[in-house]
C-alpha atoms as a PDB file:
ATOM      1  CA  MET A   1      59.288 100.706  97.067  1.00  0.00           C
ATOM      2  CA  ARG A   2      62.094  98.596  96.063  1.00  0.00           C
ATOM      3  CA  VAL A   3      65.486  99.868  96.077  1.00  0.00           C
ATOM      4  CA  ARG A   4      68.552  98.090  94.924  1.00  0.00           C
ATOM      5  CA  SER A   5      72.107  98.951  95.628  1.00  0.00           C
ATOM      6  CA  ARG A   6      75.572  97.695  95.311  1.00  0.00           C
ATOM      7  CA  ARG A   7      77.643  96.898  98.368  1.00  0.00           C
ATOM      8  CA  SER A   8      81.302  96.475  98.745  1.00  0.00           C
ATOM      9  CA  HIS A   9      83.118  94.548 101.754  1.00  0.00           C
ATOM     10  CA  VAL A  10      86.254  94.787 102.613  1.00  0.00           C
ATOM     11  CA  PHE A  11      88.004  92.637 105.139  1.00  0.00           C
ATOM     12  CA  GLU A  12      91.628  93.358 107.062  1.00  0.00           C
ATOM     13  CA  PHE A  13      93.011  89.841 108.418  1.00  0.00           C
ATOM     14  CA  LYS A  14      95.473  89.926 111.328  1.00  0.00           C
ATOM     15  CA  ASP A  15      96.962  86.843 112.856  1.00  0.00           C
ATOM     16  CA  GLY A  16      94.574  84.814 110.329  1.00  0.00           C
ATOM     17  CA  LYS A  17      91.609  86.464 111.715  1.00  0.00           C
ATOM     18  CA  ILE A  18      89.394  89.475 110.412  1.00  0.00           C
ATOM     19  CA  SER A  19      90.455  92.546 112.198  1.00  0.00           C
ATOM     20  CA  ARG A  20      88.416  94.902 110.465  1.00  0.00           C
ATOM     21  CA  GLU A  21      85.729  95.171 107.677  1.00  0.00           C
ATOM     22  CA  SER A  22      84.750  98.215 105.462  1.00  0.00           C
ATOM     23  CA  VAL A  23      81.608  98.763 103.765  1.00  0.00           C
ATOM     24  CA  TRP A  24      80.711 100.868 100.877  1.00  0.00           C
ATOM     25  CA  LEU A  25      77.471 101.536  99.600  1.00  0.00           C
ATOM     26  CA  ASP A  26      76.398 103.080  95.836  1.00  0.00           C
ATOM     27  CA  GLY A  27      74.692 106.109  97.489  1.00  0.00           C
ATOM     28  CA  ALA A  28      74.163 107.867  94.025  1.00  0.00           C
ATOM     29  CA  ALA A  29      72.391 104.824  92.870  1.00  0.00           C
ATOM     30  CA  ILE A  30      69.669 104.879  95.767  1.00  0.00           C
ATOM     31  CA  ALA A  31      69.056 108.495  95.716  1.00  0.00           C
ATOM     32  CA  ALA A  32      68.536 108.276  92.333  1.00  0.00           C
ATOM     33  CA  GLN A  33      65.907 105.452  92.331  1.00  0.00           C
ATOM     34  CA  LEU A  34      64.335 107.141  95.595  1.00  0.00           C
ATOM     35  CA  THR A  35      63.937 110.339  93.635  1.00  0.00           C
ATOM     36  CA  ALA A  36      62.777 108.869  90.146  1.00  0.00           C
ATOM     37  CA  PRO A  37      59.167 109.494  89.042  1.00  0.00           C
ATOM     38  CA  ALA A  38      56.958 107.035  90.129  1.00  0.00           C
ATOM     39  CA  GLN A  39      56.423 104.095  87.238  1.00  0.00           C
ATOM     40  CA  ALA A  40      53.062 102.925  86.611  1.00  0.00           C
ATOM     41  CA  THR A  41      52.020  99.240  86.512  1.00  0.00           C
END
């Protein structure tokens, strides 16, 4: 099964260098795909 989702990366910088990264996933979209009825191919 292949699942697609969007991610958002937010970087914080300090002194010109990356000091922190936050990543958000679209968990609702992933759950919807995992619980959807299988489609015939």
